[in-house]
Full PDB file with SEQRES, HELIX, SHEET, SSBOND, CRYST1, ORIGX, SCALE, CONECT and MASTER records, all heavy atoms in Angstrom:
SEQRES   1 A   41  PHE VAL THR ALA ILE ARG TRP SER ASP GLY ASN THR TYR          
SEQRES   2 A   41  TYR ALA ASP SER VAL LYS GLY ARG PHE THR ILE SER ARG          
SEQRES   3 A   41  ASP ASN ALA LYS ASN THR VAL TYR LEU GLN MET ASN SER          
SEQRES   4 A   41  LEU LYS                                                      
SHEET    1 AA1 2 THR A   3  ILE A   5  0                                        
SHEET    2 AA1 2 THR A  12  TYR A  14 -1                                        
SHEET    1 AA2 2 PHE A  22  ASP A  27  0                                        
SHEET    2 AA2 2 THR A  32  MET A  37 -1                                        
CRYST1    1.000    1.000    1.000  90.00  90.00  90.00 P 1           1          
ORIGX1      1.000000  0.000000  0.000000        0.00000                         
ORIGX2      0.000000  1.000000  0.000000        0.00000                         
ORIGX3      0.000000  0.000000  1.000000        0.00000                         
SCALE1      1.000000  0.000000  0.000000        0.00000                         
SCALE2      0.000000  1.000000  0.000000        0.00000                         
SCALE3      0.000000  0.000000  1.000000        0.00000                         
ATOM      1  N   PHE A   1      11.619   4.878  -0.447  1.00  0.00           N  
ATOM      2  CA  PHE A   1      10.533   3.954  -0.207  1.00  0.00           C  
ATOM      3  C   PHE A   1       9.230   4.625   0.050  1.00  0.00           C  
ATOM      4  O   PHE A   1       9.196   5.710   0.729  1.00  0.00           O  
ATOM      5  CB  PHE A   1      10.933   3.124   1.162  1.00  0.00           C  
ATOM      6  CG  PHE A   1       9.819   2.285   1.723  1.00  0.00           C  
ATOM      7  CD1 PHE A   1       9.559   1.104   1.148  1.00  0.00           C  
ATOM      8  CD2 PHE A   1       9.105   2.781   2.749  1.00  0.00           C  
ATOM      9  CE1 PHE A   1       8.538   0.257   1.737  1.00  0.00           C  
ATOM     10  CE2 PHE A   1       8.138   2.023   3.246  1.00  0.00           C  
ATOM     11  CZ  PHE A   1       7.818   0.757   2.801  1.00  0.00           C  
ATOM     12  N   VAL A   2       8.145   3.988  -0.421  1.00  0.00           N  
ATOM     13  CA  VAL A   2       6.821   4.581  -0.125  1.00  0.00           C  
ATOM     14  C   VAL A   2       5.995   3.695   0.721  1.00  0.00           C  
ATOM     15  O   VAL A   2       5.446   4.125   1.771  1.00  0.00           O  
ATOM     16  CB  VAL A   2       6.040   4.807  -1.501  1.00  0.00           C  
ATOM     17  CG1 VAL A   2       4.640   5.308  -1.270  1.00  0.00           C  
ATOM     18  CG2 VAL A   2       6.820   5.784  -2.396  1.00  0.00           C  
ATOM     19  N   THR A   3       5.843   2.474   0.312  1.00  0.00           N  
ATOM     20  CA  THR A   3       5.031   1.501   1.037  1.00  0.00           C  
ATOM     21  C   THR A   3       5.349   0.065   0.620  1.00  0.00           C  
ATOM     22  O   THR A   3       5.860  -0.107  -0.500  1.00  0.00           O  
ATOM     23  CB  THR A   3       3.508   1.800   0.891  1.00  0.00           C  
ATOM     24  OG1 THR A   3       2.764   0.947   1.618  1.00  0.00           O  
ATOM     25  CG2 THR A   3       3.141   1.686  -0.538  1.00  0.00           C  
ATOM     26  N   ALA A   4       4.950  -0.903   1.422  1.00  0.00           N  
ATOM     27  CA  ALA A   4       5.140  -2.303   1.066  1.00  0.00           C  
ATOM     28  C   ALA A   4       4.061  -3.156   1.717  1.00  0.00           C  
ATOM     29  O   ALA A   4       3.455  -2.719   2.737  1.00  0.00           O  
ATOM     30  CB  ALA A   4       6.550  -2.799   1.556  1.00  0.00           C  
ATOM     31  N   ILE A   5       3.891  -4.283   1.198  1.00  0.00           N  
ATOM     32  CA  ILE A   5       2.826  -5.253   1.740  1.00  0.00           C  
ATOM     33  C   ILE A   5       3.402  -6.687   1.608  1.00  0.00           C  
ATOM     34  O   ILE A   5       4.037  -7.026   0.668  1.00  0.00           O  
ATOM     35  CB  ILE A   5       1.617  -5.102   0.958  1.00  0.00           C  
ATOM     36  CG1 ILE A   5       0.458  -5.865   1.652  1.00  0.00           C  
ATOM     37  CG2 ILE A   5       1.670  -5.484  -0.507  1.00  0.00           C  
ATOM     38  CD1 ILE A   5      -1.003  -5.633   1.186  1.00  0.00           C  
ATOM     39  N   ARG A   6       3.226  -7.426   2.680  1.00  0.00           N  
ATOM     40  CA  ARG A   6       3.626  -8.808   2.680  1.00  0.00           C  
ATOM     41  C   ARG A   6       2.478  -9.585   2.047  1.00  0.00           C  
ATOM     42  O   ARG A   6       1.328  -9.511   2.417  1.00  0.00           O  
ATOM     43  CB  ARG A   6       3.822  -9.279   4.171  1.00  0.00           C  
ATOM     44  CG  ARG A   6       4.662 -10.595   4.199  1.00  0.00           C  
ATOM     45  CD  ARG A   6       5.333 -10.671   5.554  1.00  0.00           C  
ATOM     46  NE  ARG A   6       4.385 -10.539   6.612  1.00  0.00           N  
ATOM     47  CZ  ARG A   6       4.809 -10.240   7.897  1.00  0.00           C  
ATOM     48  NH1 ARG A   6       6.084 -10.042   8.172  1.00  0.00           N  
ATOM     49  NH2 ARG A   6       3.858 -10.107   8.890  1.00  0.00           N  
ATOM     50  N   TRP A   7       2.856 -10.350   1.019  1.00  0.00           N  
ATOM     51  CA  TRP A   7       1.875 -10.988   0.164  1.00  0.00           C  
ATOM     52  C   TRP A   7       1.051 -12.017   0.957  1.00  0.00           C  
ATOM     53  O   TRP A   7      -0.150 -12.147   0.767  1.00  0.00           O  
ATOM     54  CB  TRP A   7       2.532 -11.681  -0.981  1.00  0.00           C  
ATOM     55  CG  TRP A   7       1.647 -12.002  -2.089  1.00  0.00           C  
ATOM     56  CD1 TRP A   7       0.912 -13.134  -2.289  1.00  0.00           C  
ATOM     57  CD2 TRP A   7       1.296 -11.154  -3.238  1.00  0.00           C  
ATOM     58  NE1 TRP A   7       0.110 -13.026  -3.420  1.00  0.00           N  
ATOM     59  CE2 TRP A   7       0.340 -11.842  -4.018  1.00  0.00           C  
ATOM     60  CE3 TRP A   7       1.644  -9.858  -3.586  1.00  0.00           C  
ATOM     61  CZ2 TRP A   7      -0.183 -11.330  -5.151  1.00  0.00           C  
ATOM     62  CZ3 TRP A   7       1.086  -9.311  -4.707  1.00  0.00           C  
ATOM     63  CH2 TRP A   7       0.172 -10.007  -5.547  1.00  0.00           C  
ATOM     64  N   SER A   8       1.632 -12.737   1.935  1.00  0.00           N  
ATOM     65  CA  SER A   8       0.927 -13.850   2.597  1.00  0.00           C  
ATOM     66  C   SER A   8      -0.150 -13.363   3.546  1.00  0.00           C  
ATOM     67  O   SER A   8      -1.261 -13.899   3.536  1.00  0.00           O  
ATOM     68  CB  SER A   8       1.968 -14.644   3.354  1.00  0.00           C  
ATOM     69  OG  SER A   8       2.607 -13.891   4.380  1.00  0.00           O  
ATOM     70  N   ASP A   9       0.141 -12.316   4.359  1.00  0.00           N  
ATOM     71  CA  ASP A   9      -0.826 -11.944   5.361  1.00  0.00           C  
ATOM     72  C   ASP A   9      -1.326 -10.473   5.258  1.00  0.00           C  
ATOM     73  O   ASP A   9      -2.148 -10.049   5.968  1.00  0.00           O  
ATOM     74  CB  ASP A   9      -0.242 -12.161   6.746  1.00  0.00           C  
ATOM     75  CG  ASP A   9       1.027 -11.405   7.018  1.00  0.00           C  
ATOM     76  OD1 ASP A   9       1.403 -10.513   6.129  1.00  0.00           O  
ATOM     77  OD2 ASP A   9       1.610 -11.600   8.106  1.00  0.00           O  
ATOM     78  N   GLY A  10      -0.756  -9.796   4.226  1.00  0.00           N  
ATOM     79  CA  GLY A  10      -1.267  -8.443   4.050  1.00  0.00           C  
ATOM     80  C   GLY A  10      -0.706  -7.342   4.944  1.00  0.00           C  
ATOM     81  O   GLY A  10      -1.194  -6.183   5.070  1.00  0.00           O  
ATOM     82  N   ASN A  11       0.310  -7.775   5.843  1.00  0.00           N  
ATOM     83  CA  ASN A  11       0.969  -6.834   6.695  1.00  0.00           C  
ATOM     84  C   ASN A  11       1.579  -5.693   5.834  1.00  0.00           C  
ATOM     85  O   ASN A  11       2.230  -5.854   4.863  1.00  0.00           O  
ATOM     86  CB  ASN A  11       1.994  -7.487   7.501  1.00  0.00           C  
ATOM     87  CG  ASN A  11       2.321  -6.715   8.792  1.00  0.00           C  
ATOM     88  OD1 ASN A  11       1.389  -6.101   9.304  1.00  0.00           O  
ATOM     89  ND2 ASN A  11       3.558  -6.704   9.197  1.00  0.00           N  
ATOM     90  N   THR A  12       1.381  -4.404   6.347  1.00  0.00           N  
ATOM     91  CA  THR A  12       1.804  -3.246   5.515  1.00  0.00           C  
ATOM     92  C   THR A  12       2.848  -2.341   6.169  1.00  0.00           C  
ATOM     93  O   THR A  12       2.925  -2.381   7.499  1.00  0.00           O  
ATOM     94  CB  THR A  12       0.584  -2.376   5.144  1.00  0.00           C  
ATOM     95  OG1 THR A  12      -0.110  -2.000   6.345  1.00  0.00           O  
ATOM     96  CG2 THR A  12      -0.364  -3.167   4.222  1.00  0.00           C  
ATOM     97  N   TYR A  13       3.591  -1.616   5.453  1.00  0.00           N  
ATOM     98  CA  TYR A  13       4.637  -0.718   5.966  1.00  0.00           C  
ATOM     99  C   TYR A  13       4.520   0.566   5.160  1.00  0.00           C  
ATOM    100  O   TYR A  13       4.281   0.507   3.913  1.00  0.00           O  
ATOM    101  CB  TYR A  13       5.981  -1.332   5.738  1.00  0.00           C  
ATOM    102  CG  TYR A  13       6.139  -2.697   6.385  1.00  0.00           C  
ATOM    103  CD1 TYR A  13       5.663  -3.828   5.760  1.00  0.00           C  
ATOM    104  CD2 TYR A  13       6.721  -2.829   7.711  1.00  0.00           C  
ATOM    105  CE1 TYR A  13       5.762  -5.076   6.270  1.00  0.00           C  
ATOM    106  CE2 TYR A  13       6.788  -4.050   8.260  1.00  0.00           C  
ATOM    107  CZ  TYR A  13       6.361  -5.212   7.547  1.00  0.00           C  
ATOM    108  OH  TYR A  13       6.397  -6.409   8.198  1.00  0.00           O  
ATOM    109  N   TYR A  14       4.686   1.739   5.824  1.00  0.00           N  
ATOM    110  CA  TYR A  14       4.528   3.018   5.147  1.00  0.00           C  
ATOM    111  C   TYR A  14       5.659   3.977   5.527  1.00  0.00           C  
ATOM    112  O   TYR A  14       6.110   4.034   6.660  1.00  0.00           O  
ATOM    113  CB  TYR A  14       3.190   3.668   5.508  1.00  0.00           C  
ATOM    114  CG  TYR A  14       2.000   2.942   4.950  1.00  0.00           C  
ATOM    115  CD1 TYR A  14       1.299   1.992   5.696  1.00  0.00           C  
ATOM    116  CD2 TYR A  14       1.530   3.213   3.608  1.00  0.00           C  
ATOM    117  CE1 TYR A  14       0.189   1.368   5.206  1.00  0.00           C  
ATOM    118  CE2 TYR A  14       0.438   2.514   3.059  1.00  0.00           C  
ATOM    119  CZ  TYR A  14      -0.240   1.665   3.900  1.00  0.00           C  
ATOM    120  OH  TYR A  14      -1.375   0.965   3.386  1.00  0.00           O  
ATOM    121  N   ALA A  15       6.081   4.783   4.560  1.00  0.00           N  
ATOM    122  CA  ALA A  15       6.924   5.838   4.942  1.00  0.00           C  
ATOM    123  C   ALA A  15       6.121   6.954   5.641  1.00  0.00           C  
ATOM    124  O   ALA A  15       5.019   7.109   5.404  1.00  0.00           O  
ATOM    125  CB  ALA A  15       7.487   6.460   3.593  1.00  0.00           C  
ATOM    126  N   ASP A  16       6.823   7.635   6.558  1.00  0.00           N  
ATOM    127  CA  ASP A  16       6.068   8.642   7.320  1.00  0.00           C  
ATOM    128  C   ASP A  16       5.413   9.724   6.476  1.00  0.00           C  
ATOM    129  O   ASP A  16       4.372  10.257   6.804  1.00  0.00           O  
ATOM    130  CB  ASP A  16       7.102   9.318   8.330  1.00  0.00           C  
ATOM    131  CG  ASP A  16       7.437   8.323   9.522  1.00  0.00           C  
ATOM    132  OD1 ASP A  16       6.761   7.365   9.693  1.00  0.00           O  
ATOM    133  OD2 ASP A  16       8.506   8.644  10.055  1.00  0.00           O  
ATOM    134  N   SER A  17       6.095   9.976   5.312  1.00  0.00           N  
ATOM    135  CA  SER A  17       5.618  11.039   4.481  1.00  0.00           C  
ATOM    136  C   SER A  17       4.240  10.738   3.855  1.00  0.00           C  
ATOM    137  O   SER A  17       3.581  11.669   3.415  1.00  0.00           O  
ATOM    138  CB  SER A  17       6.630  11.385   3.458  1.00  0.00           C  
ATOM    139  OG  SER A  17       6.885  10.213   2.620  1.00  0.00           O  
ATOM    140  N   VAL A  18       3.879   9.456   3.810  1.00  0.00           N  
ATOM    141  CA  VAL A  18       2.645   9.126   3.107  1.00  0.00           C  
ATOM    142  C   VAL A  18       1.635   8.487   4.076  1.00  0.00           C  
ATOM    143  O   VAL A  18       0.466   8.218   3.638  1.00  0.00           O  
ATOM    144  CB  VAL A  18       2.897   8.205   1.863  1.00  0.00           C  
ATOM    145  CG1 VAL A  18       3.921   8.798   0.966  1.00  0.00           C  
ATOM    146  CG2 VAL A  18       3.319   6.774   2.337  1.00  0.00           C  
ATOM    147  N   LYS A  19       1.998   8.245   5.203  1.00  0.00           N  
ATOM    148  CA  LYS A  19       1.165   7.528   6.224  1.00  0.00           C  
ATOM    149  C   LYS A  19      -0.094   8.321   6.426  1.00  0.00           C  
ATOM    150  O   LYS A  19      -0.085   9.584   6.666  1.00  0.00           O  
ATOM    151  CB  LYS A  19       1.855   7.378   7.472  1.00  0.00           C  
ATOM    152  CG  LYS A  19       1.382   6.196   8.448  1.00  0.00           C  
ATOM    153  CD  LYS A  19       2.327   6.036   9.611  1.00  0.00           C  
ATOM    154  CE  LYS A  19       3.670   5.493   9.166  1.00  0.00           C  
ATOM    155  NZ  LYS A  19       4.579   5.131  10.303  1.00  0.00           N  
ATOM    156  N   GLY A  20      -1.257   7.651   6.311  1.00  0.00           N  
ATOM    157  CA  GLY A  20      -2.541   8.319   6.480  1.00  0.00           C  
ATOM    158  C   GLY A  20      -3.072   8.847   5.211  1.00  0.00           C  
ATOM    159  O   GLY A  20      -4.283   9.205   5.121  1.00  0.00           O  
ATOM    160  N   ARG A  21      -2.351   8.937   4.142  1.00  0.00           N  
ATOM    161  CA  ARG A  21      -2.785   9.453   2.864  1.00  0.00           C  
ATOM    162  C   ARG A  21      -2.776   8.301   1.795  1.00  0.00           C  
ATOM    163  O   ARG A  21      -3.657   8.297   0.910  1.00  0.00           O  
ATOM    164  CB  ARG A  21      -1.860  10.527   2.393  1.00  0.00           C  
ATOM    165  CG  ARG A  21      -1.850  11.780   3.247  1.00  0.00           C  
ATOM    166  CD  ARG A  21      -1.175  12.956   2.629  1.00  0.00           C  
ATOM    167  NE  ARG A  21       0.244  12.647   2.373  1.00  0.00           N  
ATOM    168  CZ  ARG A  21       0.770  12.723   1.141  1.00  0.00           C  
ATOM    169  NH1 ARG A  21       0.074  13.108   0.103  1.00  0.00           N  
ATOM    170  NH2 ARG A  21       2.099  12.499   0.983  1.00  0.00           N  
ATOM    171  N   PHE A  22      -1.764   7.444   1.843  1.00  0.00           N  
ATOM    172  CA  PHE A  22      -1.641   6.340   0.836  1.00  0.00           C  
ATOM    173  C   PHE A  22      -2.030   5.097   1.491  1.00  0.00           C  
ATOM    174  O   PHE A  22      -1.777   4.818   2.669  1.00  0.00           O  
ATOM    175  CB  PHE A  22      -0.199   6.271   0.380  1.00  0.00           C  
ATOM    176  CG  PHE A  22       0.321   7.414  -0.523  1.00  0.00           C  
ATOM    177  CD1 PHE A  22      -0.526   8.616  -0.558  1.00  0.00           C  
ATOM    178  CD2 PHE A  22       1.441   7.322  -1.196  1.00  0.00           C  
ATOM    179  CE1 PHE A  22      -0.031   9.682  -1.420  1.00  0.00           C  
ATOM    180  CE2 PHE A  22       1.925   8.340  -1.926  1.00  0.00           C  
ATOM    181  CZ  PHE A  22       1.168   9.520  -2.044  1.00  0.00           C  
ATOM    182  N   THR A  23      -2.593   4.175   0.652  1.00  0.00           N  
ATOM    183  CA  THR A  23      -2.963   2.799   1.139  1.00  0.00           C  
ATOM    184  C   THR A  23      -2.503   1.785   0.090  1.00  0.00           C  
ATOM    185  O   THR A  23      -2.844   1.946  -1.118  1.00  0.00           O  
ATOM    186  CB  THR A  23      -4.425   2.642   1.350  1.00  0.00           C  
ATOM    187  OG1 THR A  23      -4.878   3.698   2.310  1.00  0.00           O  
ATOM    188  CG2 THR A  23      -4.745   1.282   1.895  1.00  0.00           C  
ATOM    189  N   ILE A  24      -1.800   0.794   0.499  1.00  0.00           N  
ATOM    190  CA  ILE A  24      -1.361  -0.336  -0.366  1.00  0.00           C  
ATOM    191  C   ILE A  24      -2.344  -1.519  -0.113  1.00  0.00           C  
ATOM    192  O   ILE A  24      -2.696  -1.683   1.089  1.00  0.00           O  
ATOM    193  CB  ILE A  24       0.073  -0.693  -0.149  1.00  0.00           C  
ATOM    194  CG1 ILE A  24       0.571  -1.737  -1.218  1.00  0.00           C  
ATOM    195  CG2 ILE A  24       0.340  -1.197   1.258  1.00  0.00           C  
ATOM    196  CD1 ILE A  24       2.085  -2.036  -1.179  1.00  0.00           C  
ATOM    197  N   SER A  25      -2.672  -2.180  -1.153  1.00  0.00           N  
ATOM    198  CA  SER A  25      -3.514  -3.320  -1.025  1.00  0.00           C  
ATOM    199  C   SER A  25      -3.199  -4.269  -2.065  1.00  0.00           C  
ATOM    200  O   SER A  25      -2.460  -3.987  -3.042  1.00  0.00           O  
ATOM    201  CB  SER A  25      -4.988  -2.951  -1.069  1.00  0.00           C  
ATOM    202  OG  SER A  25      -5.330  -2.374  -2.339  1.00  0.00           O  
ATOM    203  N   ARG A  26      -3.696  -5.571  -1.977  1.00  0.00           N  
ATOM    204  CA  ARG A  26      -3.394  -6.557  -2.984  1.00  0.00           C  
ATOM    205  C   ARG A  26      -4.609  -7.375  -3.215  1.00  0.00           C  
ATOM    206  O   ARG A  26      -5.592  -7.474  -2.400  1.00  0.00           O  
ATOM    207  CB  ARG A  26      -2.334  -7.534  -2.396  1.00  0.00           C  
ATOM    208  CG  ARG A  26      -2.833  -8.536  -1.407  1.00  0.00           C  
ATOM    209  CD  ARG A  26      -1.777  -8.962  -0.412  1.00  0.00           C  
ATOM    210  NE  ARG A  26      -2.165 -10.135   0.335  1.00  0.00           N  
ATOM    211  CZ  ARG A  26      -3.051 -10.188   1.301  1.00  0.00           C  
ATOM    212  NH1 ARG A  26      -3.689  -9.041   1.628  1.00  0.00           N  
ATOM    213  NH2 ARG A  26      -3.258 -11.209   2.012  1.00  0.00           N  
ATOM    214  N   ASP A  27      -4.696  -7.885  -4.521  1.00  0.00           N  
ATOM    215  CA  ASP A  27      -5.796  -8.814  -4.897  1.00  0.00           C  
ATOM    216  C   ASP A  27      -5.117 -10.088  -5.281  1.00  0.00           C  
ATOM    217  O   ASP A  27      -4.556 -10.121  -6.388  1.00  0.00           O  
ATOM    218  CB  ASP A  27      -6.550  -8.123  -6.043  1.00  0.00           C  
ATOM    219  CG  ASP A  27      -7.772  -8.979  -6.440  1.00  0.00           C  
ATOM    220  OD1 ASP A  27      -7.734 -10.198  -6.351  1.00  0.00           O  
ATOM    221  OD2 ASP A  27      -8.803  -8.397  -6.829  1.00  0.00           O  
ATOM    222  N   ASN A  28      -5.120 -11.077  -4.461  1.00  0.00           N  
ATOM    223  CA  ASN A  28      -4.421 -12.203  -4.730  1.00  0.00           C  
ATOM    224  C   ASN A  28      -4.933 -13.010  -5.988  1.00  0.00           C  
ATOM    225  O   ASN A  28      -4.156 -13.526  -6.793  1.00  0.00           O  
ATOM    226  CB  ASN A  28      -4.569 -13.243  -3.527  1.00  0.00           C  
ATOM    227  CG  ASN A  28      -3.750 -12.785  -2.373  1.00  0.00           C  
ATOM    228  OD1 ASN A  28      -3.043 -11.776  -2.420  1.00  0.00           O  
ATOM    229  ND2 ASN A  28      -3.822 -13.513  -1.270  1.00  0.00           N  
ATOM    230  N   ALA A  29      -6.256 -12.920  -6.181  1.00  0.00           N  
ATOM    231  CA  ALA A  29      -6.792 -13.631  -7.389  1.00  0.00           C  
ATOM    232  C   ALA A  29      -6.329 -13.054  -8.685  1.00  0.00           C  
ATOM    233  O   ALA A  29      -6.214 -13.710  -9.672  1.00  0.00           O  
ATOM    234  CB  ALA A  29      -8.346 -13.544  -7.248  1.00  0.00           C  
ATOM    235  N   LYS A  30      -6.132 -11.728  -8.667  1.00  0.00           N  
ATOM    236  CA  LYS A  30      -5.667 -10.982  -9.889  1.00  0.00           C  
ATOM    237  C   LYS A  30      -4.154 -10.797  -9.893  1.00  0.00           C  
ATOM    238  O   LYS A  30      -3.689 -10.186 -10.905  1.00  0.00           O  
ATOM    239  CB  LYS A  30      -6.426  -9.627  -9.945  1.00  0.00           C  
ATOM    240  CG  LYS A  30      -7.943  -9.667 -10.133  1.00  0.00           C  
ATOM    241  CD  LYS A  30      -8.517  -8.344 -10.203  1.00  0.00           C  
ATOM    242  CE  LYS A  30     -10.008  -8.402 -10.427  1.00  0.00           C  
ATOM    243  NZ  LYS A  30     -10.632  -7.042 -10.593  1.00  0.00           N  
ATOM    244  N   ASN A  31      -3.503 -11.240  -8.838  1.00  0.00           N  
ATOM    245  CA  ASN A  31      -2.064 -11.001  -8.824  1.00  0.00           C  
ATOM    246  C   ASN A  31      -1.688  -9.521  -9.082  1.00  0.00           C  
ATOM    247  O   ASN A  31      -0.786  -9.190  -9.879  1.00  0.00           O  
ATOM    248  CB  ASN A  31      -1.301 -11.855  -9.865  1.00  0.00           C  
ATOM    249  CG  ASN A  31      -1.251 -13.290  -9.459  1.00  0.00           C  
ATOM    250  OD1 ASN A  31      -1.263 -13.649  -8.263  1.00  0.00           O  
ATOM    251  ND2 ASN A  31      -1.256 -14.214 -10.402  1.00  0.00           N  
ATOM    252  N   THR A  32      -2.420  -8.673  -8.391  1.00  0.00           N  
ATOM    253  CA  THR A  32      -2.274  -7.266  -8.540  1.00  0.00           C  
ATOM    254  C   THR A  32      -2.105  -6.545  -7.259  1.00  0.00           C  
ATOM    255  O   THR A  32      -2.816  -6.877  -6.294  1.00  0.00           O  
ATOM    256  CB  THR A  32      -3.442  -6.638  -9.395  1.00  0.00           C  
ATOM    257  OG1 THR A  32      -3.551  -7.284 -10.627  1.00  0.00           O  
ATOM    258  CG2 THR A  32      -3.291  -5.127  -9.581  1.00  0.00           C  
ATOM    259  N   VAL A  33      -1.274  -5.568  -7.187  1.00  0.00           N  
ATOM    260  CA  VAL A  33      -1.101  -4.715  -6.056  1.00  0.00           C  
ATOM    261  C   VAL A  33      -1.497  -3.326  -6.364  1.00  0.00           C  
ATOM    262  O   VAL A  33      -1.234  -2.779  -7.517  1.00  0.00           O  
ATOM    263  CB  VAL A  33       0.358  -4.735  -5.569  1.00  0.00           C  
ATOM    264  CG1 VAL A  33       0.599  -3.712  -4.453  1.00  0.00           C  
ATOM    265  CG2 VAL A  33       0.769  -6.120  -5.142  1.00  0.00           C  
ATOM    266  N   TYR A  34      -2.126  -2.616  -5.462  1.00  0.00           N  
ATOM    267  CA  TYR A  34      -2.652  -1.295  -5.748  1.00  0.00           C  
ATOM    268  C   TYR A  34      -2.024  -0.287  -4.744  1.00  0.00           C  
ATOM    269  O   TYR A  34      -1.726  -0.669  -3.590  1.00  0.00           O  
ATOM    270  CB  TYR A  34      -4.186  -1.262  -5.554  1.00  0.00           C  
ATOM    271  CG  TYR A  34      -4.888  -2.197  -6.467  1.00  0.00           C  
ATOM    272  CD1 TYR A  34      -5.383  -3.462  -5.920  1.00  0.00           C  
ATOM    273  CD2 TYR A  34      -5.161  -1.899  -7.813  1.00  0.00           C  
ATOM    274  CE1 TYR A  34      -6.029  -4.325  -6.739  1.00  0.00           C  
ATOM    275  CE2 TYR A  34      -5.809  -2.776  -8.622  1.00  0.00           C  
ATOM    276  CZ  TYR A  34      -6.276  -3.968  -8.152  1.00  0.00           C  
ATOM    277  OH  TYR A  34      -6.921  -4.920  -8.902  1.00  0.00           O  
ATOM    278  N   LEU A  35      -1.941   1.009  -5.206  1.00  0.00           N  
ATOM    279  CA  LEU A  35      -1.561   2.021  -4.333  1.00  0.00           C  
ATOM    280  C   LEU A  35      -2.542   3.144  -4.564  1.00  0.00           C  
ATOM    281  O   LEU A  35      -2.686   3.832  -5.536  1.00  0.00           O  
ATOM    282  CB  LEU A  35      -0.138   2.537  -4.732  1.00  0.00           C  
ATOM    283  CG  LEU A  35       0.395   3.774  -3.896  1.00  0.00           C  
ATOM    284  CD1 LEU A  35       0.482   3.374  -2.390  1.00  0.00           C  
ATOM    285  CD2 LEU A  35       1.767   4.232  -4.368  1.00  0.00           C  
ATOM    286  N   GLN A  36      -3.380   3.330  -3.523  1.00  0.00           N  
ATOM    287  CA  GLN A  36      -4.378   4.386  -3.506  1.00  0.00           C  
ATOM    288  C   GLN A  36      -3.782   5.593  -2.852  1.00  0.00           C  
ATOM    289  O   GLN A  36      -3.290   5.498  -1.739  1.00  0.00           O  
ATOM    290  CB  GLN A  36      -5.629   3.975  -2.634  1.00  0.00           C  
ATOM    291  CG  GLN A  36      -6.644   5.019  -2.644  1.00  0.00           C  
ATOM    292  CD  GLN A  36      -7.337   5.371  -3.919  1.00  0.00           C  
ATOM    293  OE1 GLN A  36      -7.668   4.480  -4.707  1.00  0.00           O  
ATOM    294  NE2 GLN A  36      -7.497   6.695  -4.175  1.00  0.00           N  
ATOM    295  N   MET A  37      -3.675   6.687  -3.606  1.00  0.00           N  
ATOM    296  CA  MET A  37      -3.032   7.899  -3.147  1.00  0.00           C  
ATOM    297  C   MET A  37      -4.084   8.990  -2.975  1.00  0.00           C  
ATOM    298  O   MET A  37      -4.719   9.412  -3.970  1.00  0.00           O  
ATOM    299  CB  MET A  37      -1.956   8.308  -4.099  1.00  0.00           C  
ATOM    300  CG  MET A  37      -0.921   7.223  -4.337  1.00  0.00           C  
ATOM    301  SD  MET A  37       0.447   7.718  -5.389  1.00  0.00           S  
ATOM    302  CE  MET A  37      -0.415   7.992  -6.958  1.00  0.00           C  
ATOM    303  N   ASN A  38      -4.279   9.462  -1.789  1.00  0.00           N  
ATOM    304  CA  ASN A  38      -5.273  10.526  -1.504  1.00  0.00           C  
ATOM    305  C   ASN A  38      -4.551  11.674  -0.969  1.00  0.00           C  
ATOM    306  O   ASN A  38      -3.407  11.684  -0.517  1.00  0.00           O  
ATOM    307  CB  ASN A  38      -6.328  10.042  -0.495  1.00  0.00           C  
ATOM    308  CG  ASN A  38      -7.172   8.892  -1.017  1.00  0.00           C  
ATOM    309  OD1 ASN A  38      -7.362   8.742  -2.191  1.00  0.00           O  
ATOM    310  ND2 ASN A  38      -7.526   7.978  -0.056  1.00  0.00           N  
ATOM    311  N   SER A  39      -5.254  12.893  -1.014  1.00  0.00           N  
ATOM    312  CA  SER A  39      -4.676  14.108  -0.506  1.00  0.00           C  
ATOM    313  C   SER A  39      -3.322  14.357  -1.094  1.00  0.00           C  
ATOM    314  O   SER A  39      -2.359  14.710  -0.362  1.00  0.00           O  
ATOM    315  CB  SER A  39      -4.645  14.145   1.027  1.00  0.00           C  
ATOM    316  OG  SER A  39      -5.894  13.900   1.583  1.00  0.00           O  
ATOM    317  N   LEU A  40      -3.187  14.236  -2.356  1.00  0.00           N  
ATOM    318  CA  LEU A  40      -1.869  14.379  -3.007  1.00  0.00           C  
ATOM    319  C   LEU A  40      -1.304  15.705  -2.900  1.00  0.00           C  
ATOM    320  O   LEU A  40      -2.059  16.708  -2.895  1.00  0.00           O  
ATOM    321  CB  LEU A  40      -1.999  13.930  -4.467  1.00  0.00           C  
ATOM    322  CG  LEU A  40      -1.977  12.389  -4.696  1.00  0.00           C  
ATOM    323  CD1 LEU A  40      -2.545  12.057  -6.034  1.00  0.00           C  
ATOM    324  CD2 LEU A  40      -0.628  11.767  -4.420  1.00  0.00           C  
ATOM    325  N   LYS A  41       0.028  15.837  -2.773  1.00  0.00           N  
ATOM    326  CA  LYS A  41       0.712  17.050  -2.628  1.00  0.00           C  
ATOM    327  C   LYS A  41       1.732  17.241  -3.793  1.00  0.00           C  
ATOM    328  O   LYS A  41       2.160  16.164  -4.341  1.00  0.00           O  
ATOM    329  CB  LYS A  41       1.541  17.141  -1.318  1.00  0.00           C  
ATOM    330  CG  LYS A  41       0.672  16.827  -0.075  1.00  0.00           C  
ATOM    331  CD  LYS A  41       1.509  16.738   1.152  1.00  0.00           C  
ATOM    332  CE  LYS A  41       0.645  16.485   2.436  1.00  0.00           C  
ATOM    333  NZ  LYS A  41       1.496  16.389   3.657  1.00  0.00           N  
TER     334      LYS A  41                                                      
MASTER        0    0    0    0    4    0    0    6  333    1    0    4          
END                                                                             
């Protein structure tokens, strides 16, 4: 598991290994989910 987002309210969950580096987000209008990954290892 890396991360998850609840579609209705945007609540998010992260694995400890990526917390603070990765961000999950959603665009309801585009029906698209994004995973922004920074400080990659």
